[in-house]
């Protein structure tokens, strides 16, 4: 009987010292370098003001009732949660996440990165748009400059350099005159991404149909 009472007392002490908690990320368990990653952290019966949040990769700061994590290294990172209980600091637990670099964007025009395109569709598009495939977050990427080259039978018949991401009226007028099989190449595409990082994007090669 004494043994049963002792076990019950031990169980009660364990339950008293245990706090349910959650650390969640809207992007499953992935966080990306160079951007703000929203993280939700909750501890049972504990306000945010009584929590201490630390990480072994980058920095994490409170933003209202949630947190923002900016890791610095690729690989993994752990978020640890502590809570203040009177004068005690109690470790609640932690969670591990994968930390990854944001993939380089793909340059597109008229929804195409290569292949065949109708010249009217190319004219209507009129601008190079960088996209990051298979990424569920919005990253603002600015095209700084590029060059358009048009070839016919392996001979360059037009070349123009542009600042920004848009085609000039001169270039659009020339595209109107293109024939089936002409090749339009958008090369030397320079862009500025997150944290003002500069990048070179893969050229776009299109064939007029």
Protein backbone atom coordinates (compact mmCIF):
# COMPACT_ATOMS: atom_id res chain seq x y z
CA UNK A 1 0.00 0.00 0.00
CA UNK A 2 2.84 2.38 0.86
CA UNK A 3 4.49 1.56 -2.48
CA UNK A 4 1.29 2.44 -4.38
CA UNK A 5 0.97 5.74 -2.48
CA UNK A 6 4.59 6.59 -3.27
CA UNK A 7 4.06 5.91 -6.96
CA UNK A 8 0.93 8.09 -7.02
CA UNK A 9 2.82 10.92 -5.32
CA UNK A 10 5.67 10.63 -7.81
CA UNK A 11 3.20 10.70 -10.71
CA UNK A 12 1.55 13.84 -9.35
CA UNK A 13 4.90 15.57 -9.05
CA UNK A 14 5.80 14.69 -12.62
CA UNK A 15 2.47 15.96 -13.93
CA UNK A 16 2.89 19.21 -11.98
CA UNK A 17 6.29 19.84 -13.51
CA UNK A 18 5.22 18.98 -17.04
CA UNK A 19 3.90 21.60 -19.47
CA UNK A 20 2.40 20.83 -22.84
CA UNK A 21 3.90 23.02 -25.55
CA UNK A 22 3.96 23.44 -29.32
CA UNK A 23 6.43 24.96 -31.76
CA UNK A 24 5.00 25.15 -35.26
CA UNK A 25 6.01 26.53 -38.62
CA UNK A 26 3.54 27.18 -41.44
CA UNK A 27 6.08 25.75 -43.90
CA UNK A 28 6.05 22.32 -42.32
CA UNK A 29 9.50 21.85 -40.76
CA UNK A 30 11.53 23.98 -43.19
CA UNK A 31 12.90 27.44 -42.59
CA UNK A 32 14.83 29.53 -45.08
CA UNK A 33 17.94 31.67 -44.79
CA UNK A 34 17.74 35.39 -45.43
CA UNK A 35 14.03 35.91 -44.76
CA UNK A 36 11.65 36.17 -41.82
CA UNK A 37 10.17 32.76 -40.95
CA UNK A 38 7.02 33.02 -38.81
CA UNK A 39 7.04 30.60 -35.88
CA UNK A 40 4.18 29.95 -33.46
CA UNK A 41 5.09 28.94 -29.91
CA UNK A 42 2.63 28.13 -27.14
CA UNK A 43 3.06 26.70 -23.66
CA UNK A 44 0.14 25.49 -21.57
CA UNK A 45 -1.04 28.02 -18.97
CA UNK A 46 1.88 30.34 -19.74
CA UNK A 47 1.79 33.79 -21.32
CA UNK A 48 4.27 34.88 -23.96
CA UNK A 49 5.72 37.37 -21.48
CA UNK A 50 6.88 34.46 -19.32
CA UNK A 51 8.66 32.60 -22.12
CA UNK A 52 12.34 32.65 -23.04
CA UNK A 53 13.01 31.52 -26.62
CA UNK A 54 16.51 30.76 -27.89
CA UNK A 55 17.98 29.11 -30.99
CA UNK A 56 21.34 27.65 -31.93
CA UNK A 57 21.11 28.96 -35.51
CA UNK A 58 20.64 32.68 -36.16
CA UNK A 59 18.24 34.86 -34.22
CA UNK A 60 14.62 34.59 -33.13
CA UNK A 61 12.60 37.60 -31.98
CA UNK A 62 9.09 38.07 -30.73
CA UNK A 63 6.55 39.72 -33.02
CA UNK A 64 3.24 40.23 -31.21
CA UNK A 65 2.03 36.82 -30.12
CA UNK A 66 4.25 34.95 -32.56
CA UNK A 67 7.95 34.86 -33.38
CA UNK A 68 10.21 35.50 -36.36
CA UNK A 69 13.23 33.29 -36.99
CA UNK A 70 16.13 34.20 -39.27
CA UNK A 71 18.62 31.31 -39.40
CA UNK A 72 22.17 31.92 -40.64
CA UNK A 73 23.43 28.47 -41.56
CA UNK A 74 22.20 25.69 -43.85
CA UNK A 75 21.53 22.36 -42.18
CA UNK A 76 19.39 22.36 -39.09
CA UNK A 77 18.40 24.56 -36.21
CA UNK A 78 16.83 23.96 -32.82
CA UNK A 79 14.43 26.26 -31.01
CA UNK A 80 14.45 25.87 -27.23
CA UNK A 81 11.65 27.07 -24.95
CA UNK A 82 12.05 28.06 -21.32
CA UNK A 83 9.46 29.53 -18.99
CA UNK A 84 9.69 31.75 -15.94
CA UNK A 85 7.94 30.36 -12.86
CA UNK A 86 8.31 32.75 -9.95
CA UNK A 87 12.09 32.87 -9.52
CA UNK A 88 12.74 29.64 -11.40
CA UNK A 89 13.63 29.23 -15.05
CA UNK A 90 12.22 25.93 -16.29
CA UNK A 91 13.21 24.25 -19.53
CA UNK A 92 10.02 23.25 -21.38
CA UNK A 93 11.43 21.60 -24.50
CA UNK A 94 12.58 22.18 -28.05
CA UNK A 95 12.04 21.34 -31.71
CA UNK A 96 14.39 20.81 -34.63
CA UNK A 97 13.88 22.22 -38.13
CA UNK A 98 15.67 21.96 -41.46
CA UNK A 99 17.28 25.21 -42.58
CA UNK A 100 17.67 25.71 -46.31
CA UNK A 101 18.79 28.32 -48.83
CA UNK A 102 16.06 29.77 -50.99
CA UNK A 103 16.42 28.25 -54.49
CA UNK A 104 17.55 30.55 -57.28
CA UNK A 105 14.62 31.93 -59.27
CA UNK A 106 13.84 30.95 -62.85
CA UNK A 107 13.45 33.75 -65.39
CA UNK A 108 10.27 33.52 -67.48
CA UNK A 109 8.50 35.62 -70.09
CA UNK A 110 4.96 34.91 -71.18
CA UNK A 111 5.00 32.01 -68.73
CA UNK A 112 7.84 30.36 -70.66
CA UNK A 113 11.42 29.58 -69.68
CA UNK A 114 12.18 27.72 -72.91
CA UNK A 115 10.45 26.04 -75.84
CA UNK A 116 8.17 27.49 -78.51
CA UNK A 117 6.12 30.65 -78.22
CA UNK A 118 3.75 32.67 -80.38
CA UNK A 119 5.24 36.09 -81.16
CA UNK A 120 2.00 37.87 -80.19
CA UNK A 121 2.13 36.19 -76.79
CA UNK A 122 5.73 37.32 -76.40
CA UNK A 123 4.82 40.91 -77.26
CA UNK A 124 1.83 40.88 -74.89
CA UNK A 125 4.00 39.60 -72.02
CA UNK A 126 6.59 42.29 -72.57
CA UNK A 127 8.60 41.64 -69.39
CA UNK A 128 10.83 39.09 -67.72
CA UNK A 129 9.33 37.72 -64.49
CA UNK A 130 11.48 35.70 -62.06
CA UNK A 131 9.68 32.91 -60.25
CA UNK A 132 10.78 30.45 -57.60
CA UNK A 133 9.27 27.08 -58.39
CA UNK A 134 7.80 24.85 -55.68
CA UNK A 135 8.05 27.53 -53.02
CA UNK A 136 4.94 28.55 -51.11
CA UNK A 137 6.16 31.99 -50.07
CA UNK A 138 6.32 35.28 -51.94
CA UNK A 139 9.83 36.61 -52.53
CA UNK A 140 10.26 39.96 -54.26
CA UNK A 141 12.95 39.63 -56.95
CA UNK A 142 13.85 42.61 -59.10
CA UNK A 143 15.33 42.20 -62.59
CA UNK A 144 18.05 44.83 -63.01
CA UNK A 145 19.07 44.32 -66.64
CA UNK A 146 19.19 41.81 -69.48
CA UNK A 147 20.04 41.44 -73.16
CA UNK A 148 17.74 40.25 -75.95
CA UNK A 149 19.33 38.55 -78.96
CA UNK A 150 17.43 37.34 -82.01
CA UNK A 151 18.93 34.74 -84.34
CA UNK A 152 17.85 33.49 -87.74
CA UNK A 153 19.72 30.58 -89.30
CA UNK A 154 22.51 30.95 -86.72
CA UNK A 155 22.97 34.64 -87.59
CA UNK A 156 22.32 37.43 -85.12
CA UNK A 157 19.76 39.81 -86.65
CA UNK A 158 18.93 41.88 -83.56
CA UNK A 159 20.49 42.68 -80.19
CA UNK A 160 19.49 45.14 -77.47
CA UNK A 161 20.38 45.70 -73.82
CA UNK A 162 17.71 46.69 -71.30
CA UNK A 163 17.59 48.17 -67.83
CA UNK A 164 14.80 46.76 -65.69
CA UNK A 165 12.66 43.84 -66.79
CA UNK A 166 10.58 45.31 -69.65
CA UNK A 167 11.00 45.17 -73.41
CA UNK A 168 11.24 48.43 -75.34
CA UNK A 169 8.75 49.44 -78.02
CA UNK A 170 11.58 49.04 -80.52
CA UNK A 171 12.07 45.41 -79.49
CA UNK A 172 8.32 44.71 -79.65
CA UNK A 173 8.13 46.17 -83.15
CA UNK A 174 10.98 43.92 -84.24
CA UNK A 175 9.34 40.84 -82.72
CA UNK A 176 6.27 41.51 -84.90
CA UNK A 177 8.46 40.87 -87.96
CA UNK A 178 9.86 37.54 -86.78
CA UNK A 179 9.34 34.34 -88.72
CA UNK A 180 8.66 30.78 -87.64
CA UNK A 181 11.85 29.17 -86.38
CA UNK A 182 13.56 32.41 -85.34
CA UNK A 183 15.27 32.12 -81.96
CA UNK A 184 14.85 34.77 -79.27
CA UNK A 185 17.41 34.61 -76.47
CA UNK A 186 17.18 36.59 -73.24
CA UNK A 187 20.65 36.44 -71.68
CA UNK A 188 22.84 38.17 -69.08
CA UNK A 189 19.82 38.46 -66.78
CA UNK A 190 20.87 40.13 -63.55
CA UNK A 191 18.51 40.32 -60.58
CA UNK A 192 18.40 41.46 -56.96
CA UNK A 193 16.74 39.24 -54.42
CA UNK A 194 16.24 38.87 -50.69
CA UNK A 195 18.69 40.81 -48.51
CA UNK A 196 19.67 42.69 -51.72
CA UNK A 197 21.66 39.70 -52.94
CA UNK A 198 22.72 39.90 -56.59
CA UNK A 199 22.24 36.91 -58.85
CA UNK A 200 22.59 35.83 -62.47
CA UNK A 201 19.58 33.98 -63.86
CA UNK A 202 19.61 31.24 -66.44
CA UNK A 203 18.97 32.52 -69.99
CA UNK A 204 15.59 32.09 -71.66
CA UNK A 205 15.70 30.55 -75.15
CA UNK A 206 12.49 30.66 -77.17
CA UNK A 207 11.61 29.57 -80.69
CA UNK A 208 8.96 31.49 -82.61
CA UNK A 209 6.17 29.18 -83.77
